[in-house]
Amino acid sequence: MSVAVAVDDNPSVDVKSSPEKVAKRLQVIFLIGNLFVAAANHLPGAYRYAIYQSHGINRSTIELFYVGYYASTLLIGTFIASLADKFGRRLACIFFAVFYILYCLSFHFNLLWVLAIATVPWGIASALDQTVLESWLITEHRALSLDSQSLKRILGNTSVVKILTSIGMAFISQPLVQYFGYTSVLYIE
């Protein structure tokens, strides 16, 4: 996802393209990126707690993992997300993917310290998810001098895509968990 968004240097089709075509292409790029981000986030989303439990981790430790996640989102993630203004939003989108991959890989280890440390990249990825994707869209939209209605349309369609993806991932993850166990939702990502 992030890579798909980050790889595209300029969403304009060519110099002669109409603003509608350029806006449509920008929307397609952005919606595809958001589809993958939402899918990656929501597929294991409902089972994170159960995955921790399947590793034999007790409730109080799992609660500390969530505290670590929220603290890293607040403290580290906010700082890193602000660096997107300086170093570029595309790069921040790539870092989102890297941090989220690191977090998901941690579930393959039944080591408490690995799972505890993994809450930091999870928090950072969450902060980047909530900030850089849409700021990238707005920056590209302004650079292409598109009208405000196309931005409203793209953001509205993004909400629909995220909601439908979340629902779809619930339908996909439930049978996976029933037949293959809790960690199966991590193998599809």
N, C-alpha and C. Protein backbone atom coordinates (compact mmCIF):
# COMPACT_ATOMS: atom_id res chain seq x y z
N MET A 1 0.82 -1.19 0.00
CA MET A 1 0.00 0.00 0.00
C MET A 1 0.85 1.24 0.00
N SER A 2 1.51 1.48 1.09
CA SER A 2 2.29 2.69 1.21
C SER A 2 3.27 2.80 0.06
N VAL A 3 3.81 1.65 -0.32
CA VAL A 3 4.75 1.66 -1.42
C VAL A 3 4.06 2.09 -2.70
N ALA A 4 2.83 1.62 -2.92
CA ALA A 4 2.09 2.02 -4.12
C ALA A 4 1.88 3.52 -4.14
N VAL A 5 1.58 4.09 -3.01
CA VAL A 5 1.40 5.54 -2.93
C VAL A 5 2.73 6.24 -3.06
N ALA A 6 3.74 5.70 -2.41
CA ALA A 6 5.02 6.37 -2.35
C ALA A 6 5.81 6.30 -3.65
N VAL A 7 5.57 5.27 -4.45
CA VAL A 7 6.33 5.08 -5.67
C VAL A 7 5.95 6.09 -6.74
N ASP A 8 4.71 6.50 -6.77
CA ASP A 8 4.22 7.38 -7.82
C ASP A 8 4.75 8.79 -7.60
N ASP A 9 5.61 9.25 -8.52
CA ASP A 9 6.21 10.57 -8.37
C ASP A 9 5.27 11.72 -8.65
N ASN A 10 4.42 11.55 -9.65
CA ASN A 10 3.50 12.62 -9.98
C ASN A 10 2.23 12.01 -10.55
N PRO A 11 1.11 12.23 -9.88
CA PRO A 11 -0.11 11.58 -10.33
C PRO A 11 -0.70 12.13 -11.61
N SER A 12 -0.15 13.21 -12.16
CA SER A 12 -0.73 13.73 -13.40
C SER A 12 -0.45 12.77 -14.54
N VAL A 13 -1.42 12.61 -15.42
CA VAL A 13 -1.30 11.67 -16.53
C VAL A 13 -0.30 12.20 -17.54
N ASP A 14 -0.49 13.41 -17.98
CA ASP A 14 0.47 14.13 -18.81
C ASP A 14 0.07 15.60 -18.78
N VAL A 15 0.84 16.41 -19.43
CA VAL A 15 0.62 17.86 -19.38
C VAL A 15 -0.73 18.25 -19.94
N LYS A 16 -1.22 17.51 -20.95
CA LYS A 16 -2.46 17.87 -21.63
C LYS A 16 -3.71 17.30 -20.94
N SER A 17 -3.56 16.53 -19.89
CA SER A 17 -4.71 15.91 -19.23
C SER A 17 -5.62 16.96 -18.62
N SER A 18 -6.89 16.66 -18.66
CA SER A 18 -7.87 17.55 -18.06
C SER A 18 -7.78 17.44 -16.54
N PRO A 19 -8.20 18.49 -15.83
CA PRO A 19 -8.18 18.42 -14.36
C PRO A 19 -9.00 17.25 -13.81
N GLU A 20 -10.08 16.89 -14.51
CA GLU A 20 -10.89 15.77 -14.05
C GLU A 20 -10.13 14.45 -14.12
N LYS A 21 -9.36 14.26 -15.21
CA LYS A 21 -8.57 13.04 -15.35
C LYS A 21 -7.47 12.99 -14.30
N VAL A 22 -6.84 14.12 -14.07
CA VAL A 22 -5.77 14.18 -13.07
C VAL A 22 -6.34 13.89 -11.69
N ALA A 23 -7.49 14.49 -11.37
CA ALA A 23 -8.13 14.25 -10.07
C ALA A 23 -8.54 12.79 -9.94
N LYS A 24 -9.03 12.21 -11.01
CA LYS A 24 -9.45 10.80 -10.99
C LYS A 24 -8.25 9.89 -10.73
N ARG A 25 -7.14 10.18 -11.39
CA ARG A 25 -5.94 9.36 -11.20
C ARG A 25 -5.41 9.50 -9.77
N LEU A 26 -5.41 10.73 -9.27
CA LEU A 26 -4.99 10.95 -7.88
C LEU A 26 -5.90 10.17 -6.93
N GLN A 27 -7.19 10.19 -7.20
CA GLN A 27 -8.14 9.45 -6.36
C GLN A 27 -7.86 7.96 -6.39
N VAL A 28 -7.62 7.41 -7.57
CA VAL A 28 -7.35 5.98 -7.69
C VAL A 28 -6.10 5.60 -6.90
N ILE A 29 -5.04 6.38 -7.05
CA ILE A 29 -3.80 6.11 -6.32
C ILE A 29 -4.05 6.15 -4.82
N PHE A 30 -4.74 7.18 -4.38
CA PHE A 30 -4.98 7.37 -2.95
C PHE A 30 -5.91 6.29 -2.39
N LEU A 31 -6.95 5.95 -3.13
CA LEU A 31 -7.89 4.93 -2.64
C LEU A 31 -7.25 3.55 -2.58
N ILE A 32 -6.42 3.23 -3.55
CA ILE A 32 -5.73 1.94 -3.52
C ILE A 32 -4.80 1.88 -2.30
N GLY A 33 -4.06 2.95 -2.08
CA GLY A 33 -3.20 3.00 -0.90
C GLY A 33 -3.97 2.84 0.39
N ASN A 34 -5.07 3.56 0.51
CA ASN A 34 -5.89 3.47 1.72
C ASN A 34 -6.55 2.11 1.88
N LEU A 35 -6.90 1.48 0.78
CA LEU A 35 -7.47 0.14 0.83
C LEU A 35 -6.48 -0.82 1.49
N PHE A 36 -5.23 -0.78 1.05
CA PHE A 36 -4.23 -1.67 1.62
C PHE A 36 -3.90 -1.34 3.07
N VAL A 37 -3.84 -0.06 3.40
CA VAL A 37 -3.59 0.33 4.79
C VAL A 37 -4.72 -0.15 5.68
N ALA A 38 -5.95 0.09 5.26
CA ALA A 38 -7.10 -0.34 6.07
C ALA A 38 -7.15 -1.86 6.18
N ALA A 39 -6.85 -2.56 5.10
CA ALA A 39 -6.87 -4.02 5.14
C ALA A 39 -5.81 -4.55 6.10
N ALA A 40 -4.61 -4.01 6.01
CA ALA A 40 -3.53 -4.45 6.91
C ALA A 40 -3.86 -4.16 8.36
N ASN A 41 -4.51 -3.06 8.62
CA ASN A 41 -4.83 -2.68 9.99
C ASN A 41 -6.02 -3.46 10.54
N HIS A 42 -7.03 -3.69 9.72
CA HIS A 42 -8.26 -4.30 10.23
C HIS A 42 -8.28 -5.82 10.17
N LEU A 43 -7.45 -6.42 9.35
CA LEU A 43 -7.45 -7.89 9.28
C LEU A 43 -7.09 -8.50 10.64
N PRO A 44 -5.98 -8.11 11.26
CA PRO A 44 -5.69 -8.67 12.59
C PRO A 44 -6.28 -7.85 13.73
N GLY A 45 -6.90 -6.73 13.42
CA GLY A 45 -7.33 -5.78 14.44
C GLY A 45 -8.14 -6.35 15.57
N ALA A 46 -9.14 -7.14 15.27
CA ALA A 46 -10.01 -7.68 16.31
C ALA A 46 -9.35 -8.80 17.10
N TYR A 47 -8.21 -9.29 16.62
CA TYR A 47 -7.58 -10.45 17.25
C TYR A 47 -6.25 -10.15 17.92
N ARG A 48 -5.85 -8.89 17.97
CA ARG A 48 -4.56 -8.58 18.59
C ARG A 48 -4.49 -9.10 20.02
N TYR A 49 -5.51 -8.81 20.80
CA TYR A 49 -5.53 -9.25 22.20
C TYR A 49 -5.45 -10.77 22.28
N ALA A 50 -6.24 -11.45 21.45
CA ALA A 50 -6.26 -12.91 21.45
C ALA A 50 -4.92 -13.49 20.99
N ILE A 51 -4.26 -12.81 20.07
CA ILE A 51 -2.95 -13.27 19.62
C ILE A 51 -1.96 -13.19 20.77
N TYR A 52 -1.99 -12.09 21.50
CA TYR A 52 -1.13 -11.98 22.68
C TYR A 52 -1.44 -13.10 23.67
N GLN A 53 -2.72 -13.37 23.92
CA GLN A 53 -3.11 -14.44 24.84
C GLN A 53 -2.64 -15.80 24.33
N SER A 54 -2.68 -16.00 23.02
CA SER A 54 -2.24 -17.29 22.46
C SER A 54 -0.75 -17.52 22.68
N HIS A 55 -0.01 -16.46 22.92
CA HIS A 55 1.41 -16.57 23.26
C HIS A 55 1.61 -16.84 24.75
N GLY A 56 0.51 -16.95 25.49
CA GLY A 56 0.60 -17.23 26.91
C GLY A 56 0.87 -16.00 27.77
N ILE A 57 0.59 -14.84 27.24
CA ILE A 57 0.84 -13.59 27.97
C ILE A 57 -0.39 -13.27 28.81
N ASN A 58 -0.16 -12.89 30.07
CA ASN A 58 -1.29 -12.62 30.95
C ASN A 58 -1.90 -11.24 30.68
N ARG A 59 -3.07 -11.05 31.22
CA ARG A 59 -3.87 -9.85 30.95
C ARG A 59 -3.15 -8.56 31.32
N SER A 60 -2.53 -8.51 32.48
CA SER A 60 -1.88 -7.27 32.91
C SER A 60 -0.72 -6.89 32.00
N THR A 61 -0.01 -7.88 31.47
CA THR A 61 1.08 -7.60 30.54
C THR A 61 0.53 -7.10 29.21
N ILE A 62 -0.55 -7.71 28.75
CA ILE A 62 -1.19 -7.25 27.51
C ILE A 62 -1.66 -5.81 27.66
N GLU A 63 -2.20 -5.50 28.81
CA GLU A 63 -2.63 -4.12 29.07
C GLU A 63 -1.44 -3.17 28.99
N LEU A 64 -0.29 -3.59 29.50
CA LEU A 64 0.91 -2.76 29.40
C LEU A 64 1.35 -2.59 27.95
N PHE A 65 1.16 -3.63 27.13
CA PHE A 65 1.47 -3.50 25.70
C PHE A 65 0.63 -2.39 25.07
N TYR A 66 -0.65 -2.37 25.41
CA TYR A 66 -1.52 -1.33 24.86
C TYR A 66 -1.14 0.05 25.39
N VAL A 67 -0.72 0.14 26.63
CA VAL A 67 -0.23 1.41 27.17
C VAL A 67 1.02 1.84 26.39
N GLY A 68 1.91 0.88 26.13
CA GLY A 68 3.11 1.17 25.34
C GLY A 68 2.77 1.65 23.94
N TYR A 69 1.76 1.02 23.35
CA TYR A 69 1.31 1.43 22.02
C TYR A 69 0.82 2.87 22.03
N TYR A 70 -0.07 3.19 22.96
CA TYR A 70 -0.63 4.54 23.00
C TYR A 70 0.44 5.57 23.37
N ALA A 71 1.34 5.21 24.26
CA ALA A 71 2.42 6.14 24.64
C ALA A 71 3.35 6.38 23.46
N SER A 72 3.69 5.33 22.72
CA SER A 72 4.58 5.53 21.57
C SER A 72 3.89 6.30 20.46
N THR A 73 2.58 6.11 20.31
CA THR A 73 1.83 6.92 19.34
C THR A 73 1.89 8.38 19.72
N LEU A 74 1.66 8.66 20.98
CA LEU A 74 1.64 10.04 21.46
C LEU A 74 3.01 10.68 21.43
N LEU A 75 4.00 10.02 21.98
CA LEU A 75 5.31 10.64 22.16
C LEU A 75 6.22 10.52 20.95
N ILE A 76 6.40 9.32 20.46
CA ILE A 76 7.35 9.10 19.36
C ILE A 76 6.67 9.30 18.01
N GLY A 77 5.50 8.72 17.86
CA GLY A 77 4.79 8.79 16.58
C GLY A 77 4.46 10.19 16.15
N THR A 78 4.04 11.01 17.10
CA THR A 78 3.72 12.40 16.77
C THR A 78 4.95 13.14 16.29
N PHE A 79 6.08 12.91 16.94
CA PHE A 79 7.33 13.54 16.53
C PHE A 79 7.75 13.07 15.14
N ILE A 80 7.70 11.77 14.91
CA ILE A 80 8.11 11.22 13.61
C ILE A 80 7.16 11.69 12.51
N ALA A 81 5.87 11.73 12.81
CA ALA A 81 4.90 12.20 11.81
C ALA A 81 5.17 13.65 11.44
N SER A 82 5.61 14.45 12.41
CA SER A 82 5.91 15.85 12.11
C SER A 82 7.13 15.99 11.21
N LEU A 83 8.00 14.99 11.21
CA LEU A 83 9.18 15.03 10.32
C LEU A 83 8.79 14.88 8.85
N ALA A 84 7.58 14.41 8.60
CA ALA A 84 7.12 14.27 7.22
C ALA A 84 7.11 15.62 6.51
N ASP A 85 6.84 16.68 7.24
CA ASP A 85 6.87 18.01 6.63
C ASP A 85 8.27 18.38 6.15
N LYS A 86 9.27 17.90 6.86
CA LYS A 86 10.65 18.25 6.51
C LYS A 86 11.23 17.30 5.46
N PHE A 87 10.98 15.99 5.62
CA PHE A 87 11.64 15.00 4.77
C PHE A 87 10.75 14.42 3.68
N GLY A 88 9.48 14.75 3.69
CA GLY A 88 8.60 14.31 2.62
C GLY A 88 7.57 13.29 3.08
N ARG A 89 6.40 13.44 2.54
CA ARG A 89 5.29 12.57 2.93
C ARG A 89 5.38 11.19 2.27
N ARG A 90 5.95 11.13 1.10
CA ARG A 90 6.12 9.82 0.46
C ARG A 90 7.06 8.96 1.29
N LEU A 91 8.15 9.55 1.74
CA LEU A 91 9.09 8.83 2.60
C LEU A 91 8.40 8.40 3.89
N ALA A 92 7.57 9.26 4.44
CA ALA A 92 6.84 8.91 5.66
C ALA A 92 5.88 7.75 5.40
N CYS A 93 5.28 7.70 4.21
CA CYS A 93 4.40 6.58 3.86
C CYS A 93 5.19 5.27 3.81
N ILE A 94 6.39 5.34 3.28
CA ILE A 94 7.25 4.15 3.24
C ILE A 94 7.60 3.73 4.66
N PHE A 95 7.93 4.70 5.51
CA PHE A 95 8.24 4.38 6.91
C PHE A 95 7.04 3.78 7.63
N PHE A 96 5.84 4.25 7.29
CA PHE A 96 4.64 3.63 7.86
C PHE A 96 4.66 2.14 7.56
N ALA A 97 4.88 1.79 6.30
CA ALA A 97 4.87 0.38 5.90
C ALA A 97 5.96 -0.40 6.64
N VAL A 98 7.14 0.17 6.75
CA VAL A 98 8.25 -0.50 7.44
C VAL A 98 7.90 -0.74 8.91
N PHE A 99 7.41 0.29 9.59
CA PHE A 99 7.07 0.14 11.01
C PHE A 99 5.95 -0.87 11.21
N TYR A 100 4.97 -0.86 10.33
CA TYR A 100 3.86 -1.80 10.48
C TYR A 100 4.32 -3.23 10.21
N ILE A 101 5.19 -3.41 9.24
CA ILE A 101 5.74 -4.75 8.96
C ILE A 101 6.53 -5.25 10.17
N LEU A 102 7.35 -4.39 10.77
CA LEU A 102 8.11 -4.79 11.96
C LEU A 102 7.17 -5.23 13.07
N TYR A 103 6.11 -4.47 13.26
CA TYR A 103 5.13 -4.83 14.29
C TYR A 103 4.51 -6.19 14.00
N CYS A 104 4.07 -6.42 12.78
CA CYS A 104 3.43 -7.69 12.44
C CYS A 104 4.40 -8.86 12.54
N LEU A 105 5.65 -8.64 12.17
CA LEU A 105 6.64 -9.70 12.28
C LEU A 105 6.87 -10.12 13.72
N SER A 106 6.69 -9.20 14.65
CA SER A 106 6.93 -9.52 16.06
C SER A 106 6.02 -10.63 16.57
N PHE A 107 4.84 -10.78 15.99
CA PHE A 107 3.92 -11.81 16.45
C PHE A 107 4.41 -13.22 16.14
N HIS A 108 5.41 -13.33 15.28
CA HIS A 108 5.94 -14.63 14.94
C HIS A 108 6.96 -15.12 15.96
N PHE A 109 7.23 -14.30 16.95
CA PHE A 109 8.16 -14.66 18.01
C PHE A 109 7.40 -14.77 19.32
N ASN A 110 7.63 -15.84 20.02
CA ASN A 110 6.97 -16.02 21.31
C ASN A 110 7.92 -15.55 22.41
N LEU A 111 8.45 -14.36 22.23
CA LEU A 111 9.36 -13.77 23.20
C LEU A 111 8.74 -12.49 23.73
N LEU A 112 8.59 -12.43 25.03
CA LEU A 112 7.92 -11.30 25.65
C LEU A 112 8.60 -9.98 25.31
N TRP A 113 9.92 -9.94 25.34
CA TRP A 113 10.62 -8.68 25.09
C TRP A 113 10.45 -8.22 23.65
N VAL A 114 10.37 -9.15 22.70
CA VAL A 114 10.15 -8.78 21.29
C VAL A 114 8.75 -8.18 21.14
N LEU A 115 7.77 -8.84 21.73
CA LEU A 115 6.40 -8.34 21.65
C LEU A 115 6.25 -7.00 22.35
N ALA A 116 6.96 -6.81 23.45
CA ALA A 116 6.90 -5.54 24.17
C ALA A 116 7.53 -4.41 23.35
N ILE A 117 8.69 -4.67 22.78
CA ILE A 117 9.36 -3.65 21.96
C ILE A 117 8.54 -3.33 20.71
N ALA A 118 7.83 -4.32 20.19
CA ALA A 118 7.04 -4.13 18.96
C ALA A 118 5.90 -3.15 19.13
N THR A 119 5.53 -2.83 20.37
CA THR A 119 4.47 -1.84 20.55
C THR A 119 4.93 -0.46 20.08
N VAL A 120 6.24 -0.23 20.08
CA VAL A 120 6.76 1.07 19.63
C VAL A 120 6.55 1.25 18.13
N PRO A 121 7.00 0.31 17.26
CA PRO A 121 6.69 0.51 15.84
C PRO A 121 5.20 0.50 15.53
N TRP A 122 4.42 -0.23 16.31
CA TRP A 122 2.96 -0.23 16.14
C TRP A 122 2.42 1.17 16.40
N GLY A 123 2.87 1.80 17.46
CA GLY A 123 2.42 3.16 17.77
C GLY A 123 2.87 4.17 16.74
N ILE A 124 4.10 4.04 16.28
CA ILE A 124 4.62 4.96 15.26
C ILE A 124 3.84 4.79 13.96
N ALA A 125 3.61 3.53 13.56
CA ALA A 125 2.84 3.27 12.34
C ALA A 125 1.44 3.85 12.45
N SER A 126 0.84 3.73 13.61
CA SER A 126 -0.50 4.28 13.80
C SER A 126 -0.51 5.79 13.65
N ALA A 127 0.48 6.46 14.23
CA ALA A 127 0.56 7.92 14.10
C ALA A 127 0.76 8.33 12.65
N LEU A 128 1.62 7.60 11.94
CA LEU A 128 1.85 7.91 10.53
C LEU A 128 0.60 7.64 9.70
N ASP A 129 -0.09 6.55 10.00
CA ASP A 129 -1.34 6.22 9.29
C ASP A 129 -2.35 7.35 9.44
N GLN A 130 -2.45 7.90 10.61
CA GLN A 130 -3.46 8.93 10.88
C GLN A 130 -3.07 10.31 10.34
N THR A 131 -1.82 10.48 9.92
CA THR A 131 -1.40 11.83 9.52
C THR A 131 -0.86 11.93 8.10
N VAL A 132 0.05 11.08 7.72
CA VAL A 132 0.78 11.33 6.47
C VAL A 132 0.01 11.00 5.21
N LEU A 133 -0.87 10.02 5.25
CA LEU A 133 -1.57 9.67 4.01
C LEU A 133 -2.43 10.83 3.51
N GLU A 134 -3.22 11.38 4.40
CA GLU A 134 -4.09 12.48 3.98
C GLU A 134 -3.30 13.76 3.73
N SER A 135 -2.23 13.99 4.47
CA SER A 135 -1.43 15.19 4.19
C SER A 135 -0.73 15.05 2.85
N TRP A 136 -0.34 13.82 2.48
CA TRP A 136 0.23 13.59 1.15
C TRP A 136 -0.80 13.94 0.09
N LEU A 137 -2.04 13.48 0.28
CA LEU A 137 -3.11 13.77 -0.68
C LEU A 137 -3.31 15.28 -0.83
N ILE A 138 -3.39 15.98 0.26
CA ILE A 138 -3.62 17.43 0.20
C ILE A 138 -2.47 18.14 -0.48
N THR A 139 -1.24 17.72 -0.19
CA THR A 139 -0.07 18.32 -0.84
C THR A 139 -0.10 18.08 -2.35
N GLU A 140 -0.38 16.85 -2.76
CA GLU A 140 -0.46 16.54 -4.19
C GLU A 140 -1.61 17.30 -4.85
N HIS A 141 -2.73 17.37 -4.16
CA HIS A 141 -3.91 18.06 -4.67
C HIS A 141 -3.59 19.53 -4.93
N ARG A 142 -2.92 20.15 -3.99
CA ARG A 142 -2.53 21.56 -4.16
C ARG A 142 -1.50 21.73 -5.26
N ALA A 143 -0.53 20.83 -5.32
CA ALA A 143 0.51 20.92 -6.34
C ALA A 143 -0.08 20.80 -7.74
N LEU A 144 -1.17 20.06 -7.86
CA LEU A 144 -1.82 19.88 -9.15
C LEU A 144 -2.87 20.95 -9.43
N SER A 145 -3.05 21.87 -8.49
CA SER A 145 -4.01 22.98 -8.63
C SER A 145 -5.43 22.49 -8.96
N LEU A 146 -5.86 21.46 -8.27
CA LEU A 146 -7.20 20.92 -8.49
C LEU A 146 -8.21 21.67 -7.64
N ASP A 147 -9.48 21.60 -8.02
CA ASP A 147 -10.51 22.32 -7.28
C ASP A 147 -10.85 21.62 -5.96
N SER A 148 -11.43 22.37 -5.05
CA SER A 148 -11.72 21.84 -3.71
C SER A 148 -12.78 20.74 -3.74
N GLN A 149 -13.65 20.75 -4.72
CA GLN A 149 -14.68 19.72 -4.81
C GLN A 149 -14.07 18.33 -5.05
N SER A 150 -13.01 18.28 -5.84
CA SER A 150 -12.39 16.98 -6.09
C SER A 150 -11.73 16.45 -4.81
N LEU A 151 -11.17 17.33 -4.00
CA LEU A 151 -10.59 16.90 -2.72
C LEU A 151 -11.67 16.38 -1.79
N LYS A 152 -12.79 17.07 -1.72
CA LYS A 152 -13.91 16.61 -0.89
C LYS A 152 -14.40 15.24 -1.36
N ARG A 153 -14.48 15.07 -2.67
CA ARG A 153 -14.94 13.81 -3.24
C ARG A 153 -13.96 12.67 -2.90
N ILE A 154 -12.67 12.94 -3.04
CA ILE A 154 -11.67 11.92 -2.74
C ILE A 154 -11.73 11.53 -1.26
N LEU A 155 -11.80 12.51 -0.38
CA LEU A 155 -11.84 12.22 1.05
C LEU A 155 -13.13 11.49 1.43
N GLY A 156 -14.24 11.87 0.81
CA GLY A 156 -15.50 11.17 1.06
C GLY A 156 -15.44 9.72 0.61
N ASN A 157 -14.87 9.50 -0.58
CA ASN A 157 -14.72 8.14 -1.09
C ASN A 157 -13.75 7.33 -0.23
N THR A 158 -12.76 8.00 0.33
CA THR A 158 -11.81 7.33 1.21
C THR A 158 -12.51 6.79 2.44
N SER A 159 -13.42 7.57 3.00
CA SER A 159 -14.17 7.10 4.17
C SER A 159 -14.97 5.85 3.83
N VAL A 160 -15.60 5.86 2.68
CA VAL A 160 -16.39 4.69 2.26
C VAL A 160 -15.47 3.48 2.07
N VAL A 161 -14.33 3.67 1.41
CA VAL A 161 -13.39 2.57 1.19
C VAL A 161 -12.91 2.00 2.52
N LYS A 162 -12.57 2.86 3.46
CA LYS A 162 -12.08 2.38 4.76
C LYS A 162 -13.16 1.60 5.51
N ILE A 163 -14.38 2.09 5.48
CA ILE A 163 -15.48 1.40 6.17
C ILE A 163 -15.75 0.04 5.54
N LEU A 164 -15.85 0.02 4.21
CA LEU A 164 -16.12 -1.25 3.52
C LEU A 164 -14.97 -2.23 3.69
N THR A 165 -13.75 -1.73 3.69
CA THR A 165 -12.59 -2.59 3.89
C THR A 165 -12.61 -3.19 5.30
N SER A 166 -12.94 -2.37 6.27
CA SER A 166 -13.02 -2.86 7.65
C SER A 166 -14.05 -3.97 7.78
N ILE A 167 -15.20 -3.77 7.18
CA ILE A 167 -16.25 -4.80 7.21
C ILE A 167 -15.79 -6.05 6.47
N GLY A 168 -15.19 -5.85 5.31
CA GLY A 168 -14.69 -6.98 4.52
C GLY A 168 -13.63 -7.78 5.25
N MET A 169 -12.74 -7.11 5.95
CA MET A 169 -11.70 -7.80 6.70
C MET A 169 -12.29 -8.62 7.84
N ALA A 170 -13.38 -8.16 8.42
CA ALA A 170 -14.05 -8.95 9.46
C ALA A 170 -14.57 -10.26 8.89
N PHE A 171 -15.14 -10.20 7.68
CA PHE A 171 -15.65 -11.41 7.04
C PHE A 171 -14.52 -12.35 6.63
N ILE A 172 -13.37 -11.80 6.32
CA ILE A 172 -12.22 -12.63 5.94
C ILE A 172 -11.52 -13.19 7.17
N SER A 173 -11.32 -12.37 8.18
CA SER A 173 -10.53 -12.80 9.34
C SER A 173 -11.25 -13.84 10.20
N GLN A 174 -12.55 -13.73 10.33
CA GLN A 174 -13.29 -14.68 11.19
C GLN A 174 -13.10 -16.13 10.75
N PRO A 175 -13.32 -16.47 9.47
CA PRO A 175 -13.09 -17.86 9.07
C PRO A 175 -11.61 -18.27 9.18
N LEU A 176 -10.71 -17.34 8.89
CA LEU A 176 -9.28 -17.66 9.03
C LEU A 176 -8.96 -18.08 10.45
N VAL A 177 -9.44 -17.30 11.40
CA VAL A 177 -9.18 -17.59 12.81
C VAL A 177 -9.84 -18.90 13.23
N GLN A 178 -11.06 -19.13 12.77
CA GLN A 178 -11.77 -20.36 13.13
C GLN A 178 -11.04 -21.61 12.64
N TYR A 179 -10.51 -21.56 11.43
CA TYR A 179 -9.92 -22.75 10.84
C TYR A 179 -8.41 -22.87 11.03
N PHE A 180 -7.72 -21.74 11.17
CA PHE A 180 -6.26 -21.80 11.21
C PHE A 180 -5.63 -21.19 12.46
N GLY A 181 -6.41 -20.61 13.33
CA GLY A 181 -5.87 -20.02 14.56
C GLY A 181 -5.69 -18.52 14.45
N TYR A 182 -5.43 -17.92 15.60
CA TYR A 182 -5.38 -16.46 15.69
C TYR A 182 -4.28 -15.83 14.83
N THR A 183 -3.13 -16.45 14.77
CA THR A 183 -2.04 -15.81 14.03
C THR A 183 -2.20 -15.91 12.52
N SER A 184 -3.18 -16.67 12.05
CA SER A 184 -3.38 -16.79 10.60
C SER A 184 -3.71 -15.45 9.95
N VAL A 185 -4.31 -14.53 10.70
CA VAL A 185 -4.64 -13.23 10.12
C VAL A 185 -3.39 -12.41 9.85
N LEU A 186 -2.26 -12.81 10.39
CA LEU A 186 -1.01 -12.10 10.13
C LEU A 186 -0.31 -12.59 8.88
N TYR A 187 -0.59 -13.81 8.46
CA TYR A 187 0.13 -14.39 7.33
C TYR A 187 -0.33 -13.86 5.99
N ILE A 188 -1.52 -13.29 5.92
CA ILE A 188 -2.03 -12.77 4.66
C ILE A 188 -1.39 -11.43 4.33
N GLU A 189 -1.04 -10.68 5.36
CA GLU A 189 -0.49 -9.36 5.14
C GLU A 189 0.79 -9.51 4.38
